[in-house]
N, C-alpha and C. Protein backbone atom coordinates (compact mmCIF):
# COMPACT_ATOMS: atom_id res chain seq x y z
N MET A 1 87.41 116.07 85.35
CA MET A 1 88.02 115.39 84.18
C MET A 1 88.02 113.84 84.35
N LYS A 2 88.41 113.44 85.58
CA LYS A 2 88.45 111.96 85.76
C LYS A 2 87.03 111.40 85.59
N LYS A 3 85.98 112.06 86.11
CA LYS A 3 84.66 111.60 85.94
C LYS A 3 84.22 111.50 84.47
N THR A 4 84.69 112.49 83.70
CA THR A 4 84.40 112.55 82.23
C THR A 4 85.00 111.29 81.53
N LEU A 5 86.25 111.00 81.93
CA LEU A 5 86.95 109.88 81.31
C LEU A 5 86.28 108.55 81.62
N LEU A 6 85.86 108.44 82.91
CA LEU A 6 85.17 107.22 83.29
C LEU A 6 83.84 107.08 82.59
N LEU A 7 83.16 108.21 82.35
CA LEU A 7 81.85 108.13 81.69
C LEU A 7 82.07 107.75 80.18
N LEU A 8 83.12 108.31 79.64
CA LEU A 8 83.43 107.90 78.28
C LEU A 8 83.81 106.40 78.17
N SER A 9 84.54 105.92 79.13
CA SER A 9 84.88 104.52 79.17
C SER A 9 83.67 103.65 79.20
N LEU A 10 82.70 104.04 80.02
CA LEU A 10 81.41 103.29 80.19
C LEU A 10 80.66 103.30 78.84
N LEU A 11 80.51 104.48 78.25
CA LEU A 11 79.83 104.61 76.97
C LEU A 11 80.43 103.80 75.88
N CYS A 12 81.76 103.78 75.82
CA CYS A 12 82.50 103.09 74.79
C CYS A 12 82.18 101.52 75.04
N SER A 13 82.23 101.12 76.28
CA SER A 13 81.98 99.77 76.57
C SER A 13 80.61 99.29 76.15
N ILE A 14 79.62 100.08 76.44
CA ILE A 14 78.25 99.77 76.11
C ILE A 14 78.08 99.73 74.51
N THR A 15 78.70 100.68 73.80
CA THR A 15 78.63 100.70 72.40
C THR A 15 79.23 99.44 71.79
N VAL A 16 80.48 99.07 72.29
CA VAL A 16 81.20 97.90 71.75
C VAL A 16 80.45 96.62 71.99
N LEU A 17 79.82 96.51 73.23
CA LEU A 17 79.03 95.29 73.57
C LEU A 17 77.83 95.25 72.71
N SER A 18 77.15 96.33 72.36
CA SER A 18 75.98 96.35 71.52
C SER A 18 76.30 95.91 70.11
N PHE A 19 77.49 96.43 69.63
CA PHE A 19 77.93 96.09 68.31
C PHE A 19 78.37 94.58 68.24
N ALA A 20 78.95 94.15 69.34
CA ALA A 20 79.37 92.70 69.33
C ALA A 20 78.17 91.80 69.30
N GLN A 21 77.05 92.15 70.02
CA GLN A 21 75.90 91.27 70.06
C GLN A 21 75.31 91.23 68.68
N GLU A 22 75.30 92.33 67.92
CA GLU A 22 74.74 92.26 66.56
C GLU A 22 75.63 91.41 65.66
N ALA A 23 76.93 91.60 65.85
CA ALA A 23 77.91 90.74 64.96
C ALA A 23 77.76 89.27 65.29
N THR A 24 77.48 88.97 66.56
CA THR A 24 77.33 87.51 66.94
C THR A 24 76.14 86.93 66.30
N LYS A 25 75.07 87.68 66.07
CA LYS A 25 73.87 87.12 65.44
C LYS A 25 74.14 86.63 63.97
N ILE A 26 75.19 87.18 63.34
CA ILE A 26 75.46 86.81 62.01
C ILE A 26 76.76 85.89 61.96
N GLY A 27 77.14 85.34 63.05
CA GLY A 27 78.20 84.39 63.08
C GLY A 27 79.65 84.98 63.09
N ARG A 28 79.85 86.13 63.46
CA ARG A 28 81.14 86.73 63.57
C ARG A 28 81.82 86.43 64.96
N ASN A 29 83.08 86.28 64.95
CA ASN A 29 83.78 85.96 66.19
C ASN A 29 84.38 87.18 66.83
N ALA A 30 84.68 87.09 68.11
CA ALA A 30 85.36 88.15 68.87
C ALA A 30 86.47 87.62 69.71
N TYR A 31 87.46 88.42 69.96
CA TYR A 31 88.66 87.96 70.73
C TYR A 31 89.01 89.01 71.72
N LEU A 32 89.40 88.58 72.90
CA LEU A 32 89.80 89.39 74.04
C LEU A 32 91.28 89.26 74.20
N LYS A 33 92.11 90.34 74.20
CA LYS A 33 93.55 90.32 74.26
C LYS A 33 94.15 91.20 75.28
N VAL A 34 95.30 90.93 75.70
CA VAL A 34 96.12 91.81 76.58
C VAL A 34 97.48 91.99 75.94
N ASN A 35 98.15 93.09 76.35
CA ASN A 35 99.43 93.38 75.70
C ASN A 35 100.55 93.36 76.86
N PRO A 36 101.23 92.29 76.99
CA PRO A 36 102.20 92.09 78.13
C PRO A 36 103.37 93.05 77.98
N VAL A 37 103.60 93.59 76.80
CA VAL A 37 104.79 94.48 76.57
C VAL A 37 104.64 95.78 77.36
N THR A 38 103.38 96.25 77.61
CA THR A 38 103.17 97.51 78.23
C THR A 38 102.92 97.37 79.75
N LEU A 39 103.09 96.17 80.27
CA LEU A 39 102.74 96.01 81.71
C LEU A 39 103.66 96.73 82.65
N ILE A 40 104.77 97.28 82.14
CA ILE A 40 105.70 98.03 83.00
C ILE A 40 105.01 99.34 83.54
N ASN A 41 104.01 99.79 82.81
CA ASN A 41 103.35 101.03 83.27
C ASN A 41 101.85 101.10 83.12
N GLU A 42 101.26 100.14 82.35
CA GLU A 42 99.81 100.16 82.13
C GLU A 42 99.27 98.83 81.78
N LEU A 43 98.02 98.61 81.94
CA LEU A 43 97.30 97.39 81.56
C LEU A 43 96.48 97.75 80.39
N ASP A 44 96.77 97.13 79.18
CA ASP A 44 96.10 97.29 77.97
C ASP A 44 95.20 96.12 77.65
N ILE A 45 93.88 96.33 77.49
CA ILE A 45 92.94 95.29 77.18
C ILE A 45 92.25 95.67 75.87
N TYR A 46 92.16 94.65 74.93
CA TYR A 46 91.65 94.89 73.59
C TYR A 46 90.51 93.87 73.30
N LEU A 47 89.48 94.36 72.52
CA LEU A 47 88.46 93.53 72.04
C LEU A 47 88.51 93.72 70.52
N GLU A 48 88.66 92.54 69.83
CA GLU A 48 88.65 92.56 68.39
C GLU A 48 87.37 91.80 67.89
N GLN A 49 86.53 92.52 67.12
CA GLN A 49 85.29 92.00 66.63
C GLN A 49 85.35 91.88 65.18
N GLU A 50 85.18 90.64 64.55
CA GLU A 50 85.07 90.51 63.12
C GLU A 50 83.87 91.25 62.57
N ILE A 51 84.04 91.92 61.44
CA ILE A 51 82.90 92.54 60.77
C ILE A 51 82.73 91.97 59.32
N SER A 52 83.74 91.24 58.84
CA SER A 52 83.63 90.53 57.55
C SER A 52 84.74 89.52 57.55
N ASP A 53 84.87 88.80 56.37
CA ASP A 53 85.91 87.79 56.34
C ASP A 53 87.28 88.31 56.30
N LYS A 54 87.47 89.66 55.88
CA LYS A 54 88.75 90.26 55.82
C LYS A 54 88.96 91.48 56.69
N MET A 55 87.93 91.90 57.46
CA MET A 55 88.03 93.06 58.18
C MET A 55 87.52 92.85 59.68
N SER A 56 88.14 93.64 60.57
CA SER A 56 87.65 93.58 61.88
C SER A 56 87.90 94.91 62.61
N LEU A 57 87.16 95.13 63.69
CA LEU A 57 87.28 96.34 64.39
C LEU A 57 87.96 96.01 65.77
N GLU A 58 88.98 96.75 66.13
CA GLU A 58 89.66 96.53 67.43
C GLU A 58 89.57 97.74 68.22
N VAL A 59 89.10 97.65 69.48
CA VAL A 59 89.09 98.74 70.44
C VAL A 59 89.79 98.32 71.68
N GLY A 60 90.36 99.31 72.35
CA GLY A 60 91.05 99.04 73.58
C GLY A 60 91.00 100.05 74.67
N VAL A 61 91.20 99.67 75.83
CA VAL A 61 91.17 100.60 77.01
C VAL A 61 92.43 100.34 77.79
N SER A 62 93.04 101.36 78.39
CA SER A 62 94.23 101.28 79.13
C SER A 62 94.05 101.81 80.49
N GLY A 63 94.56 101.16 81.52
CA GLY A 63 94.61 101.61 82.85
C GLY A 63 96.05 101.93 83.25
N ILE A 64 96.37 103.17 83.35
CA ILE A 64 97.76 103.60 83.57
C ILE A 64 98.03 103.80 85.04
N TYR A 65 99.07 103.08 85.56
CA TYR A 65 99.27 103.15 87.02
C TYR A 65 100.70 103.73 87.32
N THR A 66 101.49 104.10 86.36
CA THR A 66 102.62 104.91 86.59
C THR A 66 103.05 105.52 85.27
N ASP A 67 103.67 106.69 85.32
CA ASP A 67 104.16 107.32 84.10
C ASP A 67 105.67 107.40 84.08
N TYR A 68 106.34 106.49 84.85
CA TYR A 68 107.80 106.49 84.97
C TYR A 68 108.50 106.34 83.58
N PRO A 69 108.06 105.50 82.68
CA PRO A 69 108.71 105.41 81.38
C PRO A 69 108.81 106.80 80.66
N ASP A 70 107.75 107.63 80.82
CA ASP A 70 107.78 108.97 80.22
C ASP A 70 108.81 109.85 80.92
N TYR A 71 108.98 109.65 82.26
CA TYR A 71 110.01 110.37 83.00
C TYR A 71 111.39 110.09 82.40
N ILE A 72 111.67 108.90 82.02
CA ILE A 72 112.91 108.50 81.37
C ILE A 72 113.10 109.24 80.07
N LEU A 73 112.03 109.18 79.23
CA LEU A 73 112.08 109.82 77.93
C LEU A 73 112.08 111.38 77.96
N ALA A 74 111.33 111.89 78.96
CA ALA A 74 111.21 113.41 78.94
C ALA A 74 112.32 114.06 79.71
N LYS A 75 112.89 113.37 80.72
CA LYS A 75 113.79 114.15 81.58
C LYS A 75 115.17 113.48 81.73
N LYS A 76 115.27 112.22 81.58
CA LYS A 76 116.59 111.54 81.78
C LYS A 76 117.33 111.45 80.45
N ILE A 77 116.63 111.40 79.27
CA ILE A 77 117.39 111.39 78.01
C ILE A 77 117.44 112.81 77.51
N ASP A 78 118.66 113.26 77.44
CA ASP A 78 118.84 114.70 77.11
C ASP A 78 119.23 114.86 75.63
N ILE A 79 118.25 115.30 74.80
CA ILE A 79 118.64 115.58 73.44
C ILE A 79 118.33 117.11 73.15
N ARG A 80 118.60 117.85 74.21
CA ARG A 80 118.32 119.34 74.21
C ARG A 80 116.89 119.70 73.97
N GLN A 81 115.99 118.84 74.37
CA GLN A 81 114.56 119.15 74.25
C GLN A 81 114.07 119.89 75.47
N LYS A 82 113.00 120.61 75.29
CA LYS A 82 112.39 121.28 76.38
C LYS A 82 111.75 120.22 77.37
N LYS A 83 111.88 120.43 78.71
CA LYS A 83 111.41 119.39 79.62
C LYS A 83 110.33 120.02 80.46
N PRO A 84 109.25 119.12 80.72
CA PRO A 84 108.18 119.62 81.62
C PRO A 84 108.58 119.81 83.06
N ASP A 85 108.05 120.80 83.70
CA ASP A 85 108.37 121.13 85.10
C ASP A 85 107.50 120.23 86.05
N ILE A 86 107.73 118.93 86.00
CA ILE A 86 107.02 117.93 86.75
C ILE A 86 108.02 117.07 87.48
N SER A 87 107.82 116.85 88.79
CA SER A 87 108.84 116.14 89.50
C SER A 87 108.84 114.61 89.26
N THR A 88 109.91 114.03 89.62
CA THR A 88 110.08 112.56 89.55
C THR A 88 108.93 111.81 90.23
N ALA A 89 108.61 112.26 91.42
CA ALA A 89 107.55 111.56 92.24
C ALA A 89 106.24 111.67 91.51
N GLN A 90 105.94 112.83 90.88
CA GLN A 90 104.67 112.95 90.17
C GLN A 90 104.64 112.00 89.02
N PHE A 91 105.76 111.93 88.23
CA PHE A 91 105.77 110.96 87.13
C PHE A 91 105.50 109.51 87.63
N VAL A 92 106.26 109.15 88.66
CA VAL A 92 106.11 107.79 89.18
C VAL A 92 104.71 107.45 89.59
N ASP A 93 104.01 108.40 90.28
CA ASP A 93 102.65 108.16 90.82
C ASP A 93 101.57 108.59 89.95
N GLY A 94 101.88 108.94 88.65
CA GLY A 94 100.83 109.29 87.74
C GLY A 94 99.80 108.21 87.49
N ARG A 95 98.60 108.56 87.33
CA ARG A 95 97.51 107.63 87.10
C ARG A 95 96.63 108.16 85.90
N GLY A 96 96.08 107.24 85.13
CA GLY A 96 95.30 107.67 84.02
C GLY A 96 94.56 106.61 83.32
N LEU A 97 93.93 107.06 82.17
CA LEU A 97 93.09 106.13 81.36
C LEU A 97 93.50 106.41 79.87
N GLY A 98 93.25 105.43 79.08
CA GLY A 98 93.50 105.57 77.63
C GLY A 98 92.48 104.78 76.84
N PHE A 99 92.27 105.27 75.58
CA PHE A 99 91.30 104.64 74.69
C PHE A 99 91.89 104.62 73.30
N ARG A 100 91.62 103.51 72.55
CA ARG A 100 92.07 103.41 71.17
C ARG A 100 91.14 102.59 70.35
N ALA A 101 91.20 102.89 69.06
CA ALA A 101 90.37 102.16 68.14
C ALA A 101 91.08 102.00 66.82
N GLY A 102 90.96 100.85 66.23
CA GLY A 102 91.68 100.58 64.93
C GLY A 102 90.77 99.72 64.05
N MET A 103 91.00 99.83 62.74
CA MET A 103 90.30 99.06 61.71
C MET A 103 91.31 98.13 61.06
N ARG A 104 91.10 96.88 61.14
CA ARG A 104 92.04 95.89 60.63
C ARG A 104 91.65 95.30 59.29
N TRP A 105 92.62 95.32 58.35
CA TRP A 105 92.44 94.63 57.07
C TRP A 105 93.34 93.41 56.95
N TYR A 106 92.85 92.23 56.77
CA TYR A 106 93.68 91.02 56.69
C TYR A 106 94.11 90.92 55.19
N LEU A 107 95.35 91.09 54.94
CA LEU A 107 95.85 91.14 53.60
C LEU A 107 96.08 89.75 53.02
N PHE A 108 96.75 88.94 53.86
CA PHE A 108 97.07 87.62 53.47
C PHE A 108 96.68 86.62 54.53
N SER A 109 95.82 85.71 54.22
CA SER A 109 95.30 84.81 55.24
C SER A 109 96.03 83.49 55.19
N ARG A 110 96.01 82.81 56.39
CA ARG A 110 96.74 81.57 56.48
C ARG A 110 95.87 80.40 56.04
N GLU A 111 94.57 80.62 56.08
CA GLU A 111 93.62 79.44 55.80
C GLU A 111 92.58 79.90 54.78
N PRO A 112 91.96 78.94 54.11
CA PRO A 112 90.89 79.37 53.19
C PRO A 112 89.76 79.97 53.85
N VAL A 113 89.06 80.80 53.11
CA VAL A 113 87.81 81.39 53.58
C VAL A 113 86.78 80.26 53.83
N PRO A 114 85.96 80.30 54.87
CA PRO A 114 85.83 81.34 55.86
C PRO A 114 86.70 81.22 57.05
N ALA A 115 87.51 80.20 57.12
CA ALA A 115 88.34 80.09 58.31
C ALA A 115 89.42 81.08 58.46
N SER A 116 89.61 81.95 57.44
CA SER A 116 90.63 82.99 57.43
C SER A 116 90.33 84.26 58.31
N ARG A 117 89.08 84.28 58.87
CA ARG A 117 88.74 85.38 59.69
C ARG A 117 89.68 85.66 60.84
N ALA A 118 90.13 86.84 61.02
CA ALA A 118 91.01 87.24 62.09
C ALA A 118 92.30 86.38 62.27
N ALA A 119 92.86 86.06 61.06
CA ALA A 119 94.07 85.25 61.05
C ALA A 119 94.85 85.63 59.87
N GLY A 120 96.20 85.70 60.03
CA GLY A 120 97.03 86.04 58.86
C GLY A 120 97.67 87.41 59.03
N THR A 121 98.28 87.92 57.90
CA THR A 121 98.94 89.21 57.86
C THR A 121 97.88 90.36 57.74
N TYR A 122 98.03 91.42 58.53
CA TYR A 122 97.07 92.50 58.44
C TYR A 122 97.75 93.83 58.50
N PHE A 123 97.02 94.84 58.04
CA PHE A 123 97.36 96.24 58.20
C PHE A 123 96.37 96.97 59.03
N GLU A 124 96.74 97.84 59.93
CA GLU A 124 95.80 98.40 60.92
C GLU A 124 96.26 99.89 61.26
N PRO A 125 95.44 100.79 60.85
CA PRO A 125 95.53 102.18 61.40
C PRO A 125 94.84 102.32 62.71
N ILE A 126 95.46 102.97 63.62
CA ILE A 126 94.94 103.12 64.99
C ILE A 126 94.98 104.60 65.48
N VAL A 127 93.92 105.08 66.00
CA VAL A 127 93.96 106.37 66.72
C VAL A 127 93.78 106.10 68.23
N PHE A 128 94.51 106.94 69.01
CA PHE A 128 94.35 106.70 70.47
C PHE A 128 94.44 108.01 71.26
N PHE A 129 93.93 107.96 72.46
CA PHE A 129 93.98 109.17 73.37
C PHE A 129 94.30 108.61 74.78
N LYS A 130 95.16 109.33 75.52
CA LYS A 130 95.44 108.97 76.85
C LYS A 130 95.49 110.26 77.71
N LYS A 131 95.06 110.15 78.94
CA LYS A 131 95.03 111.26 79.96
C LYS A 131 95.64 110.76 81.19
N VAL A 132 96.74 111.46 81.64
CA VAL A 132 97.45 111.11 82.88
C VAL A 132 97.28 112.26 83.86
N PHE A 133 96.91 111.84 85.12
CA PHE A 133 96.79 112.90 86.18
C PHE A 133 97.98 112.69 87.17
N TYR A 134 98.79 113.79 87.30
CA TYR A 134 99.84 113.63 88.28
C TYR A 134 99.36 114.14 89.66
N PRO A 135 99.83 113.41 90.70
CA PRO A 135 99.38 113.76 92.06
C PRO A 135 99.89 115.18 92.48
N ASN A 136 99.11 115.83 93.25
CA ASN A 136 99.49 117.09 93.81
C ASN A 136 100.59 116.92 94.82
N GLU A 137 101.58 117.87 94.80
CA GLU A 137 102.63 117.95 95.79
C GLU A 137 102.54 119.23 96.61
N LYS A 138 102.54 119.05 97.92
CA LYS A 138 102.44 120.23 98.79
C LYS A 138 103.80 120.50 99.35
N ASN A 139 104.16 121.87 99.32
CA ASN A 139 105.38 122.42 99.88
C ASN A 139 105.08 123.58 100.81
N THR A 140 105.82 123.59 101.96
CA THR A 140 105.58 124.71 102.91
C THR A 140 106.76 125.64 102.89
N PHE A 141 106.49 126.92 102.83
CA PHE A 141 107.57 127.94 102.70
C PHE A 141 107.08 129.13 103.46
N ASN A 142 107.81 129.57 104.49
CA ASN A 142 107.48 130.75 105.32
C ASN A 142 106.03 130.57 105.86
N ASN A 143 105.74 129.37 106.42
CA ASN A 143 104.50 129.05 107.01
C ASN A 143 103.30 129.04 106.09
N ALA A 144 103.53 129.11 104.81
CA ALA A 144 102.52 129.01 103.77
C ALA A 144 102.64 127.74 102.90
N THR A 145 101.56 127.14 102.61
CA THR A 145 101.57 125.88 101.83
C THR A 145 101.17 126.16 100.41
N TYR A 146 102.01 125.55 99.52
CA TYR A 146 101.88 125.72 98.07
C TYR A 146 101.70 124.30 97.45
N THR A 147 100.88 124.23 96.44
CA THR A 147 100.54 122.93 95.82
C THR A 147 100.97 122.89 94.36
N ASP A 148 101.81 121.92 94.02
CA ASP A 148 102.22 121.72 92.65
C ASP A 148 101.16 120.76 92.01
N SER A 149 100.82 121.01 90.81
CA SER A 149 99.86 120.12 90.14
C SER A 149 100.19 120.00 88.63
N GLY A 150 99.64 118.96 88.04
CA GLY A 150 99.93 118.78 86.57
C GLY A 150 99.17 117.64 85.98
N ASP A 151 99.08 117.62 84.63
CA ASP A 151 98.46 116.50 83.89
C ASP A 151 99.00 116.40 82.55
N LYS A 152 98.80 115.35 81.83
CA LYS A 152 99.26 115.18 80.47
C LYS A 152 98.14 114.52 79.53
N SER A 153 98.02 115.07 78.33
CA SER A 153 97.19 114.47 77.36
C SER A 153 98.04 113.98 76.13
N VAL A 154 97.67 112.87 75.66
CA VAL A 154 98.38 112.25 74.53
C VAL A 154 97.39 111.81 73.43
N ILE A 155 97.65 112.31 72.24
CA ILE A 155 96.80 111.89 71.13
C ILE A 155 97.76 111.48 69.98
N GLY A 156 97.39 110.38 69.28
CA GLY A 156 98.26 109.92 68.23
C GLY A 156 97.64 109.00 67.28
N LEU A 157 98.47 108.73 66.23
CA LEU A 157 98.06 107.79 65.11
C LEU A 157 99.15 106.77 64.97
N GLN A 158 98.80 105.49 64.83
CA GLN A 158 99.75 104.37 64.58
C GLN A 158 99.33 103.66 63.33
N LEU A 159 100.30 103.26 62.56
CA LEU A 159 100.11 102.41 61.39
C LEU A 159 100.88 101.08 61.59
N LEU A 160 100.09 100.00 61.85
CA LEU A 160 100.72 98.73 62.24
C LEU A 160 100.67 97.71 61.15
N ILE A 161 101.61 96.80 61.11
CA ILE A 161 101.56 95.60 60.31
C ILE A 161 101.88 94.44 61.24
N GLY A 162 101.00 93.43 61.19
CA GLY A 162 101.17 92.31 62.03
C GLY A 162 100.76 91.03 61.41
N ARG A 163 100.92 89.95 62.19
CA ARG A 163 100.45 88.55 61.68
C ARG A 163 99.81 87.85 62.83
N GLN A 164 98.52 87.67 62.81
CA GLN A 164 97.83 87.05 63.88
C GLN A 164 97.72 85.56 63.60
N PHE A 165 98.00 84.78 64.68
CA PHE A 165 97.91 83.35 64.63
C PHE A 165 96.82 82.92 65.54
N LYS A 166 96.08 81.87 65.10
CA LYS A 166 95.04 81.24 65.95
C LYS A 166 95.33 79.75 66.11
N LYS A 167 95.17 79.28 67.35
CA LYS A 167 95.26 77.82 67.63
C LYS A 167 94.11 77.50 68.58
N ASP A 168 93.14 76.89 68.08
CA ASP A 168 91.88 76.67 68.81
C ASP A 168 91.38 77.95 69.28
N LYS A 169 91.26 78.22 70.60
CA LYS A 169 90.81 79.48 71.13
C LYS A 169 91.92 80.53 71.44
N PHE A 170 93.13 80.10 71.27
CA PHE A 170 94.24 81.00 71.67
C PHE A 170 94.64 81.86 70.54
N ILE A 171 94.97 83.12 70.85
CA ILE A 171 95.39 84.13 69.81
C ILE A 171 96.79 84.62 70.18
N LEU A 172 97.73 84.71 69.17
CA LEU A 172 99.00 85.26 69.28
C LEU A 172 99.10 86.38 68.18
N ASP A 173 99.42 87.62 68.59
CA ASP A 173 99.35 88.70 67.64
C ASP A 173 100.60 89.54 67.70
N PRO A 174 101.70 89.21 67.08
CA PRO A 174 102.91 90.01 66.96
C PRO A 174 102.66 91.13 65.97
N TYR A 175 103.25 92.33 66.31
CA TYR A 175 103.06 93.49 65.30
C TYR A 175 104.26 94.46 65.44
N MET A 176 104.33 95.31 64.44
CA MET A 176 105.35 96.42 64.47
C MET A 176 104.74 97.49 63.59
N GLY A 177 105.29 98.76 63.80
CA GLY A 177 104.72 99.86 63.03
C GLY A 177 105.29 101.17 63.40
N LEU A 178 104.87 102.23 62.74
CA LEU A 178 105.27 103.60 62.92
C LEU A 178 104.10 104.45 63.35
N GLY A 179 104.41 105.50 63.98
CA GLY A 179 103.30 106.40 64.37
C GLY A 179 103.83 107.79 64.72
N ILE A 180 102.78 108.67 65.06
CA ILE A 180 103.15 110.03 65.51
C ILE A 180 102.25 110.33 66.64
N ARG A 181 102.82 111.04 67.65
CA ARG A 181 101.99 111.36 68.80
C ARG A 181 102.28 112.76 69.30
N SER A 182 101.25 113.38 69.82
CA SER A 182 101.45 114.71 70.42
C SER A 182 101.18 114.61 71.97
N LYS A 183 102.09 115.10 72.76
CA LYS A 183 101.97 115.14 74.15
C LYS A 183 101.78 116.60 74.66
N ILE A 184 100.80 116.79 75.49
CA ILE A 184 100.51 118.14 76.02
C ILE A 184 100.57 118.08 77.52
N TYR A 185 101.62 118.68 78.10
CA TYR A 185 101.84 118.76 79.53
C TYR A 185 101.32 120.12 80.06
N GLN A 186 100.53 120.09 81.10
CA GLN A 186 100.11 121.34 81.80
C GLN A 186 100.44 121.20 83.27
N TYR A 187 101.05 122.28 83.83
CA TYR A 187 101.53 122.15 85.19
C TYR A 187 101.54 123.56 85.83
N ASN A 188 101.39 123.53 87.17
CA ASN A 188 101.53 124.74 88.07
C ASN A 188 102.51 124.28 89.13
N THR A 189 103.72 124.85 89.02
CA THR A 189 104.84 124.39 89.85
C THR A 189 105.46 125.67 90.58
N PHE A 190 105.51 125.55 91.92
CA PHE A 190 106.18 126.70 92.64
C PHE A 190 107.60 126.44 92.86
N HIS A 191 108.45 127.53 92.86
CA HIS A 191 109.83 127.46 93.13
C HIS A 191 110.18 128.46 94.15
N PHE A 192 111.14 128.07 95.03
CA PHE A 192 111.47 128.93 96.20
C PHE A 192 112.95 129.38 96.06
N ASP A 193 113.15 130.59 96.19
CA ASP A 193 114.54 131.11 96.08
C ASP A 193 114.77 132.19 97.16
N ASN A 194 115.45 131.91 98.16
CA ASN A 194 115.65 132.83 99.30
C ASN A 194 114.22 133.24 99.81
N SER A 195 113.82 134.45 99.67
CA SER A 195 112.53 134.87 100.17
C SER A 195 111.47 135.01 99.09
N ASP A 196 111.80 134.56 97.88
CA ASP A 196 110.87 134.69 96.79
C ASP A 196 110.18 133.40 96.50
N VAL A 197 108.89 133.50 96.10
CA VAL A 197 108.10 132.33 95.58
C VAL A 197 107.64 132.70 94.24
N THR A 198 107.96 131.85 93.24
CA THR A 198 107.53 132.03 91.89
C THR A 198 106.72 130.89 91.44
N LEU A 199 105.78 131.15 90.58
CA LEU A 199 104.86 130.12 89.99
C LEU A 199 105.17 129.97 88.51
N ASN A 200 105.45 128.71 88.17
CA ASN A 200 105.68 128.37 86.78
C ASN A 200 104.34 127.76 86.30
N LYS A 201 103.56 128.56 85.69
CA LYS A 201 102.21 128.08 85.20
C LYS A 201 102.45 127.78 83.72
N GLY A 202 102.87 126.52 83.44
CA GLY A 202 103.32 126.17 82.09
C GLY A 202 102.51 125.24 81.32
N LYS A 203 102.77 125.26 79.99
CA LYS A 203 102.14 124.27 79.03
C LYS A 203 103.27 123.86 78.08
N MET A 204 103.48 122.64 77.83
CA MET A 204 104.50 122.17 76.95
C MET A 204 103.86 121.19 75.94
N VAL A 205 104.10 121.44 74.68
CA VAL A 205 103.57 120.54 73.68
C VAL A 205 104.72 120.00 72.83
N SER A 206 104.70 118.75 72.69
CA SER A 206 105.69 118.05 71.89
C SER A 206 105.04 117.07 70.80
N VAL A 207 105.55 117.07 69.64
CA VAL A 207 105.04 116.22 68.54
C VAL A 207 106.20 115.38 68.07
N LEU A 208 106.18 114.05 68.25
CA LEU A 208 107.31 113.24 67.98
C LEU A 208 106.88 111.95 67.17
N PRO A 209 107.72 111.32 66.35
CA PRO A 209 107.41 110.08 65.75
C PRO A 209 107.62 108.98 66.82
N SER A 210 107.06 107.84 66.57
CA SER A 210 107.18 106.69 67.47
C SER A 210 107.25 105.41 66.77
N LEU A 211 107.89 104.42 67.37
CA LEU A 211 108.09 103.13 66.82
C LEU A 211 107.32 102.07 67.79
N GLN A 212 106.49 101.20 67.18
CA GLN A 212 105.76 100.21 67.89
C GLN A 212 106.24 98.85 67.57
N ILE A 213 106.61 98.08 68.58
CA ILE A 213 106.96 96.63 68.42
C ILE A 213 106.35 95.96 69.65
N GLY A 214 105.61 94.93 69.40
CA GLY A 214 104.98 94.25 70.55
C GLY A 214 104.25 92.99 70.12
N ILE A 215 103.48 92.41 71.10
CA ILE A 215 102.81 91.22 70.88
C ILE A 215 101.57 91.16 71.80
N LYS A 216 100.45 90.83 71.27
CA LYS A 216 99.27 90.73 72.10
C LYS A 216 98.92 89.18 72.17
N MET A 217 98.29 88.86 73.31
CA MET A 217 97.88 87.52 73.48
C MET A 217 96.44 87.48 74.01
N GLY A 218 95.68 86.42 73.59
CA GLY A 218 94.34 86.43 74.04
C GLY A 218 93.54 85.18 73.74
N LEU A 219 92.24 85.25 73.90
CA LEU A 219 91.40 84.08 73.69
C LEU A 219 90.13 84.53 72.88
N LYS A 220 89.63 83.56 72.15
CA LYS A 220 88.34 83.65 71.48
C LYS A 220 87.22 83.67 72.47
N LEU A 221 86.35 84.71 72.40
CA LEU A 221 85.22 84.82 73.29
C LEU A 221 83.99 84.06 72.73
N TRP A 222 83.70 84.27 71.45
CA TRP A 222 82.58 83.55 70.82
C TRP A 222 82.83 83.45 69.31
């Protein structure tokens, strides 16, 4: 699965670069951004490519280096929800990749056309997918070794409203919005009770609304 995600990442990168090269030939600009709001658990990198004076395509890739925030939401905040049978250490050491794509419409521009490209108030629907792999945990019981394993898939939709500002080559992009996401946890966890060993081979699916508030920063590439 990890190899599949890496291959998808490579294919997406090649496709985006090919599209960007074609857009550059007709004078469209592109911007590279990062999202410092998410640095607590992942590195998000975005490429926005203009496709007209009022529209642009934004794609992003995420490198996830811990899933601890989800541990807080899934296990520490108790609203009587079902909780995945995944340990704290597995959440903390979770690793993964994410992909997202959005189409941006600039509704109100700050400057006259054609300088209005990629600046002003915009509306952007985004679809995204993330895959997190939790590290295996080995436990020994009665001289036998048992391995706990698990992973998580996330798919969702976001509807964002933001206002992008440009100053020379610098980009500032604050945004907010609503969304919905589905999380699918799959796990094989062993439990030990006296002389018994039981396996919880589980799958947990949750569908919840989400609130997005953040800011992206970046530079004009061309």
